[in-house]
Amino acid sequence: MALTTLDERTALVIIDLQHGIAGASTEPYSGRDVVARSADLAAAFRSRDLPVVLVRVSFAADGSDMAPGRTEQAGSRTTPAPGWDEIVPELLTGDDLIVTKRNWGAFHGTDLDVQLRRRGITQVVLAGIATSIGVESTARAAHEHGYHVTLATDAMTDMSAESHRHSLERIFPRLGETGSTAEIIDLLKR
């Protein structure tokens, strides 16, 4: 569904724009482009006194708090380099909420839902990396928690353009509305 409206109490939730992820090879947009568009969205939300939530994924050095289970993907259980989980400086202001997750989605095992509800939030705008993993998982959970969901389609990217496109065309229309960074900022100004 195309973008139609933003609730009076909408929050921006930015997924995994951190050193170890934002610098990875992504499609169809570079991590640098996604960071820049997310920073534009964050500035627009802050100017309207609306919450900005910066979500990062992090694990203990020994990997003891990683999600259990076996996967077929090589390297899925390796411990990342130090500093990989630090949010990129272009997004940090000191006033935003920071949520640390240990899973793909930002709701399970975190206080994100409590933080949003305490602020009377009824809608979330999502951005970040990766479209088909962290962003999609968070969108699914936000929908299940009863939030109106909007997805900033040009402020997210993936490891493959095909995965990005699949989420945009097949999954997101079932969960909420989609729009560009410019369209979302335009609605915020109204």
Protein backbone atom coordinates (compact mmCIF):
# COMPACT_ATOMS: atom_id res chain seq x y z
CA MET A 1 0.00 0.00 0.00
CA ALA A 2 1.36 3.41 -0.91
CA LEU A 3 2.05 5.88 1.86
CA THR A 4 -1.10 7.75 2.92
CA THR A 5 -0.60 9.16 6.41
CA LEU A 6 1.53 9.28 9.52
CA ASP A 7 -0.04 9.11 12.96
CA GLU A 8 0.43 12.02 15.32
CA ARG A 9 2.60 9.80 17.53
CA THR A 10 4.97 8.09 15.11
CA ALA A 11 8.50 6.94 15.88
CA LEU A 12 11.42 6.34 13.54
CA VAL A 13 13.14 3.01 14.17
CA ILE A 14 16.51 2.59 12.43
CA ILE A 15 17.82 -0.96 12.28
CA ASP A 16 21.50 -1.98 12.51
CA LEU A 17 23.23 1.06 11.05
CA GLN A 18 26.43 0.22 12.85
CA HIS A 19 30.07 -0.03 11.79
CA GLY A 20 30.11 -3.77 11.06
CA ILE A 21 26.96 -3.66 8.94
CA ALA A 22 26.70 -0.23 7.28
CA GLY A 23 30.07 -0.76 5.58
CA ALA A 24 29.17 -4.11 4.03
CA SER A 25 28.52 -4.60 0.33
CA THR A 26 24.79 -4.01 -0.24
CA GLU A 27 22.25 -3.67 -3.04
CA PRO A 28 20.41 -1.80 -4.47
CA TYR A 29 21.71 1.07 -2.29
CA SER A 30 25.06 1.49 -0.61
CA GLY A 31 25.28 1.57 3.15
CA ARG A 32 26.50 5.16 2.85
CA ASP A 33 23.29 6.12 0.97
CA VAL A 34 21.10 4.39 3.55
CA VAL A 35 22.94 6.12 6.41
CA ALA A 36 22.50 9.52 4.71
CA ARG A 37 18.76 8.98 4.08
CA SER A 38 18.26 7.64 7.60
CA ALA A 39 20.04 10.70 9.00
CA ASP A 40 17.67 12.91 6.97
CA LEU A 41 14.68 11.03 8.37
CA ALA A 42 16.08 11.26 11.92
CA ALA A 43 16.57 15.03 11.59
CA ALA A 44 12.98 15.43 10.37
CA PHE A 45 11.60 13.35 13.25
CA ARG A 46 13.70 15.18 15.83
CA SER A 47 12.54 18.56 14.48
CA ARG A 48 8.94 17.46 15.19
CA ASP A 49 9.87 16.14 18.68
CA LEU A 50 9.10 12.60 17.58
CA PRO A 51 11.17 9.69 18.93
CA VAL A 52 14.09 8.23 17.03
CA VAL A 53 15.13 4.72 18.03
CA LEU A 54 18.55 3.44 17.01
CA VAL A 55 18.67 -0.34 17.08
CA ARG A 56 21.92 -2.25 17.07
CA VAL A 57 22.72 -5.92 17.19
CA SER A 58 25.44 -7.05 19.55
CA PHE A 59 26.70 -10.23 21.16
CA ALA A 60 28.99 -11.19 24.00
CA ALA A 61 32.60 -11.78 22.93
CA ASP A 62 32.21 -15.50 23.47
CA GLY A 63 28.94 -15.62 21.49
CA SER A 64 27.06 -17.05 24.49
CA ASP A 65 24.06 -14.78 23.93
CA MET A 66 23.64 -15.49 20.21
CA ALA A 67 20.41 -17.15 19.15
CA PRO A 68 20.83 -20.91 19.53
CA GLY A 69 20.38 -23.40 16.75
CA ARG A 70 22.15 -24.70 13.71
CA THR A 71 22.20 -22.95 10.34
CA GLU A 72 23.46 -23.93 6.92
CA GLN A 73 25.16 -20.59 6.35
CA ALA A 74 28.89 -20.63 7.02
CA GLY A 75 30.15 -18.04 9.48
CA SER A 76 26.79 -17.40 11.11
CA ARG A 77 28.20 -18.22 14.55
CA THR A 78 31.50 -16.34 14.35
CA THR A 79 32.32 -13.57 16.80
CA PRO A 80 32.63 -10.15 15.08
CA ALA A 81 35.57 -7.76 15.45
CA PRO A 82 35.61 -5.22 18.30
CA GLY A 83 33.63 -2.04 17.58
CA TRP A 84 31.49 -3.65 14.86
CA ASP A 85 28.35 -3.01 16.93
CA GLU A 86 28.83 0.74 17.43
CA ILE A 87 26.17 2.90 15.77
CA VAL A 88 27.55 5.07 12.97
CA PRO A 89 28.32 8.59 14.21
CA GLU A 90 26.11 10.27 11.58
CA LEU A 91 23.07 9.10 13.57
CA LEU A 92 24.13 9.75 17.16
CA THR A 93 22.78 12.82 18.96
CA GLY A 94 22.63 11.69 22.57
CA ASP A 95 18.86 12.15 22.85
CA ASP A 96 17.69 9.11 20.90
CA LEU A 97 16.63 5.78 22.34
CA ILE A 98 19.16 3.03 21.79
CA VAL A 99 17.96 -0.57 21.76
CA THR A 100 20.37 -3.50 21.71
CA LYS A 101 19.05 -6.72 20.26
CA ARG A 102 20.48 -10.23 20.07
CA ASN A 103 18.18 -11.45 17.30
CA TRP A 104 17.14 -10.38 13.81
CA GLY A 105 14.11 -8.39 14.97
CA ALA A 106 14.14 -5.42 17.34
CA PHE A 107 11.16 -6.48 19.49
CA HIS A 108 11.97 -9.96 20.80
CA GLY A 109 14.05 -9.84 23.96
CA THR A 110 14.25 -6.01 24.12
CA ASP A 111 12.28 -3.22 25.75
CA LEU A 112 11.36 -1.59 22.40
CA ASP A 113 7.62 -2.21 22.75
CA VAL A 114 7.57 -0.82 26.31
CA GLN A 115 9.55 2.26 25.28
CA LEU A 116 7.20 2.97 22.36
CA ARG A 117 4.01 2.42 24.37
CA ARG A 118 5.23 4.68 27.21
CA ARG A 119 5.52 7.44 24.63
CA GLY A 120 2.07 6.78 23.18
CA ILE A 121 3.48 5.64 19.84
CA THR A 122 0.94 4.11 17.43
CA GLN A 123 3.04 3.98 14.26
CA VAL A 124 6.63 3.16 13.37
CA VAL A 125 8.65 4.15 10.31
CA LEU A 126 11.40 1.60 9.65
CA ALA A 127 14.76 2.00 7.92
CA GLY A 128 18.10 0.18 8.01
CA ILE A 129 20.04 -2.87 6.94
CA ALA A 130 19.21 -5.56 5.93
CA THR A 131 15.82 -5.20 4.30
CA SER A 132 15.00 -8.93 4.34
CA ILE A 133 16.47 -9.65 7.76
CA GLY A 134 16.49 -7.02 10.53
CA VAL A 135 14.04 -4.61 8.89
CA GLU A 136 11.57 -7.28 7.78
CA SER A 137 11.72 -9.10 11.13
CA THR A 138 11.06 -5.85 12.98
CA ALA A 139 8.24 -4.93 10.58
CA ARG A 140 6.56 -8.29 11.12
CA ALA A 141 6.76 -7.93 14.91
CA ALA A 142 5.59 -4.30 14.83
CA HIS A 143 2.56 -5.39 12.82
CA GLU A 144 1.89 -8.24 15.26
CA HIS A 145 2.16 -5.76 18.18
CA GLY A 146 -0.54 -3.62 16.60
CA TYR A 147 1.54 -0.70 15.32
CA HIS A 148 0.86 0.97 12.01
CA VAL A 149 3.96 0.23 9.95
CA THR A 150 5.60 2.41 7.32
CA LEU A 151 8.73 1.35 5.48
CA ALA A 152 11.19 3.88 4.06
CA THR A 153 12.01 1.99 0.87
CA ASP A 154 15.09 3.98 -0.13
CA ALA A 155 16.48 4.11 3.42
CA MET A 156 17.04 0.35 3.53
CA THR A 157 19.12 -2.10 1.56
CA ASP A 158 20.17 -5.73 1.56
CA MET A 159 23.00 -8.09 0.63
CA SER A 160 21.22 -8.72 -2.68
CA ALA A 161 18.86 -6.62 -4.77
CA GLU A 162 16.65 -9.69 -5.19
CA SER A 163 16.15 -10.08 -1.43
CA HIS A 164 15.46 -6.35 -1.09
CA ARG A 165 12.93 -6.42 -3.92
CA HIS A 166 11.19 -9.52 -2.54
CA SER A 167 10.58 -7.83 0.82
CA LEU A 168 9.35 -4.62 -0.84
CA GLU A 169 7.06 -6.32 -3.33
CA ARG A 170 5.85 -9.44 -1.50
CA ILE A 171 6.12 -8.95 2.26
CA PHE A 172 5.85 -5.24 3.11
CA PRO A 173 2.48 -4.66 1.37
CA ARG A 174 1.02 -7.20 3.84
CA LEU A 175 2.47 -5.36 6.84
CA GLY A 176 1.98 -1.68 6.15
CA GLU A 177 2.62 1.20 3.79
CA THR A 178 5.77 2.05 1.88
CA GLY A 179 7.23 5.36 0.82
CA SER A 180 10.46 7.11 -0.03
CA THR A 181 12.45 9.22 2.41
CA ALA A 182 11.23 12.35 0.62
CA GLU A 183 7.58 11.26 0.83
CA ILE A 184 7.86 10.52 4.55
CA ILE A 185 9.58 13.83 5.28
CA ASP A 186 6.91 15.63 3.23
CA LEU A 187 4.15 14.02 5.32
CA LEU A 188 5.95 15.02 8.52
CA LYS A 189 5.90 18.66 7.41
CA ARG A 190 2.12 18.70 7.00
